[in-house]
Protein backbone atom coordinates (compact mmCIF):
# COMPACT_ATOMS: atom_id res chain seq x y z
CA UNK A 1 53.04 104.80 56.97
CA UNK A 2 54.31 105.20 60.53
CA UNK A 3 55.72 102.29 62.50
CA UNK A 4 52.70 102.42 64.81
CA UNK A 5 50.14 102.29 62.04
CA UNK A 6 52.13 99.59 60.27
CA UNK A 7 51.98 97.36 63.34
CA UNK A 8 48.25 97.98 63.72
CA UNK A 9 47.61 97.19 60.07
CA UNK A 10 49.51 93.95 60.40
CA UNK A 11 47.13 92.76 63.10
CA UNK A 12 44.14 93.84 61.05
CA UNK A 13 45.36 91.61 58.23
CA UNK A 14 46.47 94.40 55.86
CA UNK A 15 49.53 93.04 54.08
CA UNK A 16 52.50 95.28 53.32
CA UNK A 17 53.38 95.57 49.64
CA UNK A 18 56.04 96.77 47.24
CA UNK A 19 55.66 100.32 45.98
CA UNK A 20 55.67 98.99 42.41
CA UNK A 21 57.15 96.46 40.01
CA UNK A 22 60.51 98.25 39.95
CA UNK A 23 60.90 97.89 43.71
CA UNK A 24 59.91 94.22 43.51
CA UNK A 25 62.37 93.61 40.66
CA UNK A 26 65.22 95.19 42.60
CA UNK A 27 64.47 92.93 45.56
CA UNK A 28 63.98 89.79 43.44
CA UNK A 29 67.19 90.34 41.47
CA UNK A 30 69.02 91.29 44.67
CA UNK A 31 67.97 87.99 46.23
CA UNK A 32 69.04 85.95 43.21
CA UNK A 33 72.38 87.75 42.78
CA UNK A 34 74.42 86.44 45.67
CA UNK A 35 77.73 84.90 46.58
CA UNK A 36 77.10 81.84 44.38
CA UNK A 37 76.94 84.00 41.24
CA UNK A 38 80.42 85.33 41.87
CA UNK A 39 82.32 82.35 43.22
CA UNK A 40 80.31 79.30 42.10
CA UNK A 41 79.25 79.92 38.50
CA UNK A 42 82.70 80.58 36.95
CA UNK A 43 84.16 77.38 38.42
CA UNK A 44 81.14 75.24 37.54
CA UNK A 45 81.16 76.50 33.96
CA UNK A 46 84.90 75.97 33.59
CA UNK A 47 84.86 72.41 34.97
CA UNK A 48 81.85 71.41 32.85
CA UNK A 49 82.92 72.18 29.32
CA UNK A 50 83.76 75.88 29.36
CA UNK A 51 81.90 77.60 26.55
CA UNK A 52 79.93 74.41 25.84
CA UNK A 53 78.39 74.68 29.31
CA UNK A 54 76.56 77.86 28.30
CA UNK A 55 74.15 75.85 26.10
CA UNK A 56 72.87 73.46 28.82
CA UNK A 57 72.95 76.40 31.22
CA UNK A 58 70.60 78.46 29.03
CA UNK A 59 68.35 75.44 28.41
CA UNK A 60 68.18 74.84 32.16
CA UNK A 61 67.31 78.51 32.63
CA UNK A 62 64.45 78.35 30.12
CA UNK A 63 63.07 74.91 30.99
CA UNK A 64 63.70 74.70 34.75
CA UNK A 65 64.70 78.00 36.33
CA UNK A 66 62.10 80.32 34.86
CA UNK A 67 59.21 77.76 35.01
CA UNK A 68 59.82 77.13 38.73
CA UNK A 69 60.24 80.86 39.30
CA UNK A 70 56.82 81.33 37.69
CA UNK A 71 55.37 78.65 39.97
CA UNK A 72 56.73 80.50 43.01
CA UNK A 73 55.24 83.75 41.69
CA UNK A 74 51.86 82.15 40.99
CA UNK A 75 51.58 80.50 44.41
CA UNK A 76 52.68 83.54 46.40
CA UNK A 77 50.65 86.06 44.41
CA UNK A 78 47.44 83.99 44.20
CA UNK A 79 47.33 82.87 47.84
CA UNK A 80 48.77 86.10 49.31
CA UNK A 81 50.72 84.61 52.16
CA UNK A 82 53.99 83.40 53.56
CA UNK A 83 55.13 79.89 52.60
CA UNK A 84 53.22 78.15 55.44
CA UNK A 85 49.99 80.10 54.82
CA UNK A 86 50.25 79.70 51.04
CA UNK A 87 50.56 75.91 51.19
CA UNK A 88 47.85 75.67 53.83
CA UNK A 89 45.54 77.59 51.52
CA UNK A 90 46.54 75.43 48.56
CA UNK A 91 45.94 72.23 50.54
CA UNK A 92 45.47 72.19 54.31
CA UNK A 93 47.50 68.97 54.59
CA UNK A 94 50.63 70.62 53.21
CA UNK A 95 51.32 73.42 55.67
CA UNK A 96 54.36 71.32 56.64
CA UNK A 97 55.97 72.09 53.26
CA UNK A 98 55.75 75.81 53.99
CA UNK A 99 57.45 75.41 57.34
CA UNK A 100 60.04 73.13 55.74
CA UNK A 101 60.89 76.02 53.40
CA UNK A 102 61.03 78.41 56.36
CA UNK A 103 63.41 76.11 58.25
CA UNK A 104 65.60 75.57 55.17
CA UNK A 105 65.86 79.35 54.73
CA UNK A 106 66.65 79.76 58.42
CA UNK A 107 69.49 77.22 58.29
CA UNK A 108 70.96 78.83 55.18
CA UNK A 109 70.81 82.36 56.58
CA UNK A 110 72.58 81.55 59.86
CA UNK A 111 75.75 80.47 58.03
CA UNK A 112 75.35 82.80 55.03
CA UNK A 113 75.71 85.80 57.34
CA UNK A 114 79.14 84.58 58.44
CA UNK A 115 80.47 84.53 54.87
CA UNK A 116 79.30 88.14 54.52
CA UNK A 117 81.31 88.96 57.67
CA UNK A 118 84.36 87.35 56.08
CA UNK A 119 83.92 89.47 52.94
CA UNK A 120 83.48 92.65 54.97
CA UNK A 121 86.71 92.00 56.87
CA UNK A 122 88.61 91.19 53.67
CA UNK A 123 87.48 94.51 52.17
CA UNK A 124 89.35 96.12 55.08
CA UNK A 125 92.32 93.74 54.80
CA UNK A 126 92.66 94.64 51.10
CA UNK A 127 93.81 98.16 51.99
CA UNK A 128 97.20 96.90 53.22
CA UNK A 129 96.98 93.30 51.89
CA UNK A 130 97.05 91.92 55.40
CA UNK A 131 97.21 88.31 54.18
CA UNK A 132 100.92 88.71 53.34
CA UNK A 133 102.84 86.17 51.26
CA UNK A 134 100.59 83.18 51.96
CA UNK A 135 96.85 83.94 51.61
CA UNK A 136 95.93 80.28 52.26
CA UNK A 137 97.78 80.12 55.57
CA UNK A 138 96.32 83.50 56.52
CA UNK A 139 92.74 82.49 55.66
CA UNK A 140 92.76 79.11 57.40
CA UNK A 141 95.15 79.95 60.22
CA UNK A 142 95.28 83.63 61.18
CA UNK A 143 91.78 84.55 60.00
CA UNK A 144 89.55 81.52 60.63
CA UNK A 145 91.85 80.03 63.29
CA UNK A 146 90.51 76.70 62.03
CA UNK A 147 90.55 73.82 64.49
CA UNK A 148 90.33 70.09 63.78
CA UNK A 149 87.92 69.58 66.68
CA UNK A 150 84.38 68.34 66.11
CA UNK A 151 82.89 71.49 67.62
CA UNK A 152 84.35 74.39 69.53
CA UNK A 153 82.70 77.41 71.11
CA UNK A 154 85.92 79.43 71.17
CA UNK A 155 85.03 82.70 69.43
CA UNK A 156 87.10 84.26 66.65
CA UNK A 157 86.62 87.90 67.60
CA UNK A 158 87.50 89.51 64.27
CA UNK A 159 84.69 87.43 62.71
CA UNK A 160 82.22 87.69 65.58
CA UNK A 161 82.30 91.50 65.82
CA UNK A 162 81.50 92.28 62.13
CA UNK A 163 78.94 89.45 62.21
CA UNK A 164 77.09 91.19 65.05
CA UNK A 165 77.09 94.48 63.13
CA UNK A 166 75.71 92.75 60.02
CA UNK A 167 72.91 91.21 62.07
CA UNK A 168 72.02 94.56 63.63
CA UNK A 169 71.91 96.20 60.20
CA UNK A 170 69.73 93.60 58.46
CA UNK A 171 67.33 93.42 61.40
CA UNK A 172 66.83 97.19 61.35
CA UNK A 173 66.08 96.94 57.61
CA UNK A 174 63.73 93.98 58.09
CA UNK A 175 61.92 95.67 60.96
CA UNK A 176 60.98 98.58 58.69
CA UNK A 177 58.83 96.24 56.61
CA UNK A 178 58.77 95.33 52.94
CA UNK A 179 58.49 98.70 51.21
CA UNK A 180 60.40 100.95 53.63
CA UNK A 181 63.00 98.33 54.56
CA UNK A 182 63.75 95.50 52.13
CA UNK A 183 62.77 97.40 48.98
CA UNK A 184 64.57 100.61 49.99
CA UNK A 185 67.78 98.74 50.81
CA UNK A 186 67.78 96.83 47.51
CA UNK A 187 67.17 100.01 45.51
CA UNK A 188 70.48 101.30 46.89
CA UNK A 189 72.58 98.14 47.17
CA UNK A 190 71.77 96.41 43.87
CA UNK A 191 72.69 99.32 41.54
CA UNK A 192 75.79 99.93 43.66
CA UNK A 193 76.74 96.24 43.38
CA UNK A 194 76.35 96.29 39.59
CA UNK A 195 78.36 99.52 39.29
CA UNK A 196 81.22 98.19 41.44
CA UNK A 197 81.31 94.89 39.60
CA UNK A 198 81.34 96.62 36.20
CA UNK A 199 84.35 98.65 37.37
CA UNK A 200 86.03 95.43 38.51
CA UNK A 201 85.34 93.63 35.21
CA UNK A 202 86.57 96.55 33.07
CA UNK A 203 89.77 96.70 35.13
CA UNK A 204 90.26 92.94 34.82
CA UNK A 205 89.86 93.00 31.03
CA UNK A 206 92.89 95.29 30.69
CA UNK A 207 95.21 93.08 32.73
CA UNK A 208 98.03 91.18 30.97
CA UNK A 209 96.83 87.64 30.23
CA UNK A 210 93.13 88.50 30.52
CA UNK A 211 92.42 87.13 27.04
CA UNK A 212 93.93 83.76 28.01
CA UNK A 213 91.56 83.58 30.94
CA UNK A 214 88.55 84.42 28.78
CA UNK A 215 89.60 81.77 26.26
CA UNK A 216 89.64 79.16 29.02
CA UNK A 217 86.21 80.28 30.20
CA UNK A 218 84.50 80.42 26.81
CA UNK A 219 86.32 77.81 24.70
CA UNK A 220 83.80 75.00 24.27
CA UNK A 221 84.55 71.33 24.92
CA UNK A 222 81.75 69.95 22.78
CA UNK A 223 82.11 66.41 24.14
CA UNK A 224 80.75 67.76 27.43
CA UNK A 225 77.30 68.11 25.86
CA UNK A 226 77.02 64.32 25.82
CA UNK A 227 77.85 64.02 29.52
CA UNK A 228 74.75 63.81 31.75
CA UNK A 229 76.60 65.25 34.74
CA UNK A 230 77.14 68.50 32.84
CA UNK A 231 73.39 68.90 32.30
CA UNK A 232 72.75 68.15 35.97
CA UNK A 233 75.42 70.71 36.93
CA UNK A 234 73.66 73.29 34.75
CA UNK A 235 70.32 72.51 36.38
CA UNK A 236 71.90 72.72 39.82
CA UNK A 237 73.55 76.08 39.13
CA UNK A 238 70.37 77.66 37.73
CA UNK A 239 68.31 76.25 40.53
CA UNK A 240 70.43 77.44 43.42
CA UNK A 241 71.39 80.80 41.96
CA UNK A 242 67.80 81.96 41.29
CA UNK A 243 66.55 81.58 44.90
CA UNK A 244 63.66 79.37 43.83
CA UNK A 245 61.61 76.65 45.55
CA UNK A 246 62.48 77.42 49.15
CA UNK A 247 60.11 80.26 49.89
CA UNK A 248 61.93 83.42 48.81
CA UNK A 249 60.23 84.28 45.53
CA UNK A 250 56.92 82.91 46.78
CA UNK A 251 57.08 85.28 49.75
CA UNK A 252 58.20 88.24 47.66
CA UNK A 253 55.39 87.67 45.14
CA UNK A 254 52.81 87.71 47.94
CA UNK A 255 53.51 91.42 48.47
CA UNK A 256 52.79 92.37 44.83
CA UNK A 257 49.60 94.26 43.89
CA UNK A 258 46.78 92.06 42.58
CA UNK A 259 47.16 93.30 39.00
CA UNK A 260 50.78 92.59 38.14
CA UNK A 261 52.64 91.45 35.04
CA UNK A 262 54.02 88.30 36.67
CA UNK A 263 55.46 86.60 33.58
CA UNK A 264 57.21 89.70 32.28
CA UNK A 265 58.67 90.40 35.70
CA UNK A 266 59.83 86.79 36.03
CA UNK A 267 61.59 86.85 32.66
CA UNK A 268 63.41 90.07 33.54
CA UNK A 269 64.49 88.71 36.93
CA UNK A 270 65.64 85.37 35.50
CA UNK A 271 67.68 86.82 32.66
CA UNK A 272 69.13 89.57 34.88
CA UNK A 273 70.42 86.93 37.30
CA UNK A 274 72.02 84.87 34.51
CA UNK A 275 73.49 87.99 32.88
CA UNK A 276 75.20 88.88 36.16
CA UNK A 277 76.56 85.32 36.42
CA UNK A 278 78.13 85.53 32.97
CA UNK A 279 79.49 88.99 33.82
CA UNK A 280 81.00 87.49 36.98
CA UNK A 281 82.56 84.70 34.92
CA UNK A 282 84.16 87.23 32.59
CA UNK A 283 85.59 89.23 35.48
CA UNK A 284 86.82 86.22 37.43
CA UNK A 285 88.49 84.47 34.49
CA UNK A 286 90.07 87.62 33.10
CA UNK A 287 91.63 88.01 36.53
CA UNK A 288 92.69 84.35 36.67
CA UNK A 289 94.29 84.80 33.24
CA UNK A 290 96.41 87.59 34.72
CA UNK A 291 97.45 85.31 37.59
CA UNK A 292 98.43 82.53 35.18
CA UNK A 293 100.38 85.06 33.08
CA UNK A 294 102.31 86.27 36.14
CA UNK A 295 103.19 82.71 37.13
CA UNK A 296 104.00 81.63 33.55
CA UNK A 297 101.48 78.77 33.66
CA UNK A 298 98.19 78.07 31.90
CA UNK A 299 94.86 78.80 33.57
CA UNK A 300 94.01 75.10 33.80
CA UNK A 301 97.08 74.62 35.99
CA UNK A 302 95.72 77.00 38.62
CA UNK A 303 93.92 75.69 41.70
CA UNK A 304 91.04 77.13 43.67
CA UNK A 305 88.73 78.15 40.83
CA UNK A 306 85.46 78.02 42.79
CA UNK A 307 83.99 78.42 46.26
CA UNK A 308 85.47 80.25 49.26
CA UNK A 309 89.01 79.36 48.17
CA UNK A 310 88.51 81.38 44.97
CA UNK A 311 87.40 84.45 46.88
CA UNK A 312 89.51 84.30 50.01
CA UNK A 313 92.73 82.66 48.78
CA UNK A 314 93.07 82.90 44.99
CA UNK A 315 91.84 86.48 44.67
CA UNK A 316 94.04 87.82 47.49
CA UNK A 317 97.01 86.27 45.66
CA UNK A 318 95.98 88.11 42.51
CA UNK A 319 95.41 91.36 44.39
CA UNK A 320 98.95 91.18 45.75
CA UNK A 321 100.34 90.77 42.21
CA UNK A 322 98.47 93.46 40.31
CA UNK A 323 99.05 97.20 40.08
CA UNK A 324 96.40 99.02 42.09
CA UNK A 325 95.56 95.74 43.80
CA UNK A 326 94.37 97.36 47.02
CA UNK A 327 91.59 99.27 45.26
CA UNK A 328 90.68 96.17 43.22
CA UNK A 329 90.44 94.18 46.45
CA UNK A 330 88.27 96.74 48.21
CA UNK A 331 85.86 96.79 45.23
CA UNK A 332 85.77 92.98 44.92
CA UNK A 333 85.09 92.26 48.59
CA UNK A 334 82.66 95.16 48.92
CA UNK A 335 80.78 93.63 45.98
CA UNK A 336 80.71 90.28 47.77
CA UNK A 337 79.40 91.96 50.91
CA UNK A 338 76.61 93.79 49.08
CA UNK A 339 75.61 90.66 47.12
CA UNK A 340 75.45 88.72 50.36
CA UNK A 341 73.37 91.29 52.23
CA UNK A 342 70.68 91.50 49.52
CA UNK A 343 70.34 87.71 49.57
CA UNK A 344 70.39 87.55 53.38
CA UNK A 345 67.50 90.03 53.53
CA UNK A 346 65.39 87.77 51.31
CA UNK A 347 66.12 84.69 53.43
CA UNK A 348 65.17 86.56 56.58
CA UNK A 349 61.95 87.78 54.98
CA UNK A 350 60.86 84.17 54.36
CA UNK A 351 61.24 83.32 58.05
CA UNK A 352 59.83 86.61 59.32
CA UNK A 353 56.79 86.41 57.05
CA UNK A 354 55.94 82.93 58.31
CA UNK A 355 55.96 84.15 61.91
CA UNK A 356 53.98 87.27 61.05
CA UNK A 357 51.20 85.20 59.48
CA UNK A 358 50.97 82.39 62.00
CA UNK A 359 51.47 84.29 65.24
CA UNK A 360 50.09 87.72 64.32
CA UNK A 361 53.39 89.57 64.76
CA UNK A 362 54.07 92.93 63.14
CA UNK A 363 57.26 93.25 61.02
CA UNK A 364 59.29 94.81 63.82
CA UNK A 365 58.43 92.18 66.41
CA UNK A 366 58.93 89.36 63.89
CA UNK A 367 62.33 90.80 62.93
CA UNK A 368 63.42 90.94 66.58
CA UNK A 369 62.14 87.42 67.28
CA UNK A 370 63.58 85.79 64.17
CA UNK A 371 66.73 87.87 64.18
CA UNK A 372 67.63 87.27 67.81
CA UNK A 373 67.45 83.51 67.42
CA UNK A 374 69.23 83.59 64.04
CA UNK A 375 72.01 85.84 65.33
CA UNK A 376 72.65 83.65 68.39
CA UNK A 377 72.83 80.45 66.32
CA UNK A 378 75.00 82.17 63.72
CA UNK A 379 77.46 83.48 66.30
CA UNK A 380 77.60 80.34 68.45
CA UNK A 381 78.12 77.84 65.62
CA UNK A 382 79.88 79.70 62.82
CA UNK A 383 82.07 82.46 64.28
CA UNK A 384 84.20 79.93 66.16
CA UNK A 385 87.37 77.99 65.42
CA UNK A 386 85.32 75.11 63.97
CA UNK A 387 83.00 77.38 61.99
CA UNK A 388 84.49 76.57 58.56
CA UNK A 389 84.02 72.80 58.83
CA UNK A 390 80.52 73.18 60.24
CA UNK A 391 79.53 75.64 57.53
CA UNK A 392 80.86 73.46 54.71
CA UNK A 393 78.89 70.35 55.72
CA UNK A 394 75.66 72.19 56.58
CA UNK A 395 75.75 74.09 53.28
CA UNK A 396 76.14 70.91 51.23
CA UNK A 397 73.36 68.94 52.94
CA UNK A 398 70.79 71.72 53.21
CA UNK A 399 71.18 72.71 49.56
CA UNK A 400 71.43 69.27 47.96
CA UNK A 401 68.75 67.65 50.13
CA UNK A 402 66.73 70.43 51.77
CA UNK A 403 66.21 72.76 48.83
CA UNK A 404 65.88 70.03 46.19
CA UNK A 405 63.38 68.00 48.24
CA UNK A 406 61.33 71.17 48.74
CA UNK A 407 61.22 71.76 44.99
CA UNK A 408 60.23 68.17 44.22
CA UNK A 409 57.34 68.15 46.68
CA UNK A 410 56.18 71.64 45.67
CA UNK A 411 56.03 70.84 41.96
CA UNK A 412 54.33 67.48 42.49
CA UNK A 413 51.82 69.04 44.89
CA UNK A 414 50.91 71.76 42.38
CA UNK A 415 50.43 69.15 39.66
CA UNK A 416 48.98 66.04 41.32
CA UNK A 417 47.52 66.73 44.76
CA UNK A 418 44.59 68.78 43.55
CA UNK A 419 43.72 70.11 40.07
CA UNK A 420 45.39 73.48 40.65
CA UNK A 421 48.14 73.68 38.01
CA UNK A 422 45.70 75.04 35.38
CA UNK A 423 44.38 77.60 37.85
CA UNK A 424 47.93 78.71 38.63
CA UNK A 425 48.71 79.08 34.92
CA UNK A 426 45.52 81.07 34.42
CA UNK A 427 46.51 83.31 37.31
CA UNK A 428 49.91 84.01 35.70
CA UNK A 429 48.22 84.86 32.40
CA UNK A 430 45.47 87.00 33.92
CA UNK A 431 47.41 90.30 33.94
CA UNK A 432 50.36 89.44 31.71
CA UNK A 433 50.71 90.13 27.97
CA UNK A 434 53.24 87.26 27.73
CA UNK A 435 51.13 84.12 28.11
CA UNK A 436 52.44 80.97 29.80
CA UNK A 437 51.74 78.00 27.47
CA UNK A 438 50.06 74.74 28.52
CA UNK A 439 53.43 72.98 28.19
CA UNK A 440 54.39 74.78 31.43
CA UNK A 441 52.06 72.40 33.33
CA UNK A 442 54.05 69.35 32.23
CA UNK A 443 57.48 70.95 32.56
CA UNK A 444 56.74 72.02 36.14
CA UNK A 445 54.78 68.96 37.22
CA UNK A 446 56.66 66.14 35.50
CA UNK A 447 59.99 66.97 33.86
CA UNK A 448 61.55 69.21 36.51
CA UNK A 449 60.73 67.01 39.52
CA UNK A 450 62.05 63.95 37.64
CA UNK A 451 65.40 65.64 36.94
CA UNK A 452 65.61 66.97 40.50
CA UNK A 453 64.85 63.50 41.88
CA UNK A 454 67.85 62.15 39.95
CA UNK A 455 70.02 64.94 41.38
CA UNK A 456 68.89 64.24 44.94
CA UNK A 457 69.27 60.47 44.55
CA UNK A 458 72.86 60.94 43.38
CA UNK A 459 73.56 63.23 46.33
CA UNK A 460 72.11 60.75 48.85
CA UNK A 461 74.11 57.86 47.37
CA UNK A 462 77.30 59.94 47.52
CA UNK A 463 76.69 60.95 51.13
CA UNK A 464 75.96 57.35 52.18
CA UNK A 465 78.87 55.74 50.33
CA UNK A 466 81.57 58.41 50.19
CA UNK A 467 80.65 60.90 52.89
CA UNK A 468 81.54 64.49 52.14
CA UNK A 469 84.93 66.11 51.69
CA UNK A 470 87.41 64.56 54.11
CA UNK A 471 84.68 63.06 56.31
CA UNK A 472 83.61 59.42 56.07
CA UNK A 473 79.89 58.54 55.83
CA UNK A 474 79.60 57.51 59.47
CA UNK A 475 81.80 60.25 60.95
CA UNK A 476 80.45 62.44 63.74
CA UNK A 477 80.72 65.53 61.52
CA UNK A 478 78.47 64.00 58.85
CA UNK A 479 75.98 62.59 61.35
CA UNK A 480 75.67 65.76 63.44
CA UNK A 481 76.03 68.61 60.94
CA UNK A 482 74.84 66.78 57.83
CA UNK A 483 72.01 64.41 58.59
CA UNK A 484 71.41 66.20 61.90
CA UNK A 485 70.70 69.46 60.05
CA UNK A 486 68.07 67.74 57.89
CA UNK A 487 66.51 66.17 60.98
CA UNK A 488 66.34 69.51 62.79
CA UNK A 489 64.59 71.11 59.80
CA UNK A 490 62.05 68.28 59.66
CA UNK A 491 61.33 68.30 63.41
CA UNK A 492 61.09 72.09 63.48
CA UNK A 493 58.68 72.08 60.53
CA UNK A 494 56.47 69.52 62.31
CA UNK A 495 56.40 71.52 65.55
CA UNK A 496 55.41 74.78 63.83
CA UNK A 497 52.81 72.98 61.72
CA UNK A 498 50.98 71.72 64.80
CA UNK A 499 51.15 74.99 66.76
CA UNK A 500 47.83 76.90 66.60
CA UNK A 501 47.36 79.83 64.24
CA UNK A 502 46.33 83.22 65.52
CA UNK A 503 42.51 83.54 65.63
CA UNK A 504 40.69 83.58 62.26
CA UNK A 505 43.74 82.95 60.04
CA UNK A 506 43.26 79.21 59.57
CA UNK A 507 39.47 79.52 59.24
CA UNK A 508 38.31 82.78 57.65
CA UNK A 509 41.16 83.37 55.25
CA UNK A 510 41.37 79.78 54.03
CA UNK A 511 37.61 79.56 53.52
CA UNK A 512 37.77 82.82 51.57
CA UNK A 513 40.31 81.30 49.18
CA UNK A 514 38.48 78.03 48.58
CA UNK A 515 36.37 79.52 45.84
CA UNK A 516 39.31 81.08 43.99
CA UNK A 517 40.40 78.10 41.95
CA UNK A 518 39.74 79.29 38.39
């Protein structure tokens, strides 16, 4: 389909689609496999019981991750729209929830792109190990040029320039549409990511001390199974790593053909994501075992086992120690870059799809509109000398409050607002040989939102009583970049909810779906 005909079709209401289930799976897995799989999962598992964490992790996958993934699939595929249009069709009073998901995705993508720029630069730095003898000083000082100011607009050029190139690339991909852009990119990047990471893991397993690292990762602390925080940590990890409940999988499912094996596809995507996380844990801890061996300490004496410090401080230290470290570093940071780009594409598609539906934009115009605003915000706020502090606070608040609140409202809406949960289950089972049982209704509508409500309540109490990181609860950083981020998402969602739809969308299409409840 030419670009011209694609734009015309968009205005006629013909929705782009994946070329098949394989293309959809590549995109869905590419979205789920992101930076958090590589730098978050190993540390979370290690600090929550090691090998014992795997049990609550798998239970959370089966009883929270996959059920909510199925809900996303059912909503997007049945109502055939972006998040705002889907929730408007489900219940006209809840279009706000769709725009809330769009705004949450927008906020995440504007800082997520900056981390990809970091990884891209570190792939280059790995060639000559530019971080020298002190990777921490290099990362915070020379690289980020971190400032203690509240906010600064002083650009860090070696971050800003690759960030601009990343934005140009992803917007070109997004502008080509779902099948020729997002799907085509994932078909290349995801297999390449898996290949590179397999090479990295195999290399790590043959390093001196690798077995010690694996023992630390997999040795179970069975007492952890009786600690409620471990189960909440497992739920949190599954939830955030699978890209569920904030519009991504809902939007992706809306582009699937009407006859699709939704449950089978969901199971493959869910287990593929978790398999990659465990593979990442093996690679990371084998490498940490080598570091501990070189320093004649145990792995539990090492610091920086999760988050950006793991990737941009601990791993550069390891790269400097190991034979062939430069090649190892190039592979590791290239893997981070690829994982980030596939996830960034999915976040952008959520926002772009919302604008395409509401304002009648074709993919190219939506990509330019969304991308221009996103790129400006990304560059202005996060490629500066205060970018690290801003990113850290925004990331914590938007994930722990924005994403979790979206999931709670979405699950309760599907279960309580109108009698639709049975219809959604029937829709999943319509073309799938693997049938979703009736228990799914209660897991999705009662158990999962209850557990998520506990998680969010704990987060709110912590923010109000302890603040976040080094910032007190009433500090300007917390008020502006924490609570202020949540307020901006809420206000933005309200504004877009009350803006008029393009002609016929809010009348004809919604009326057409009113009879499709069984």
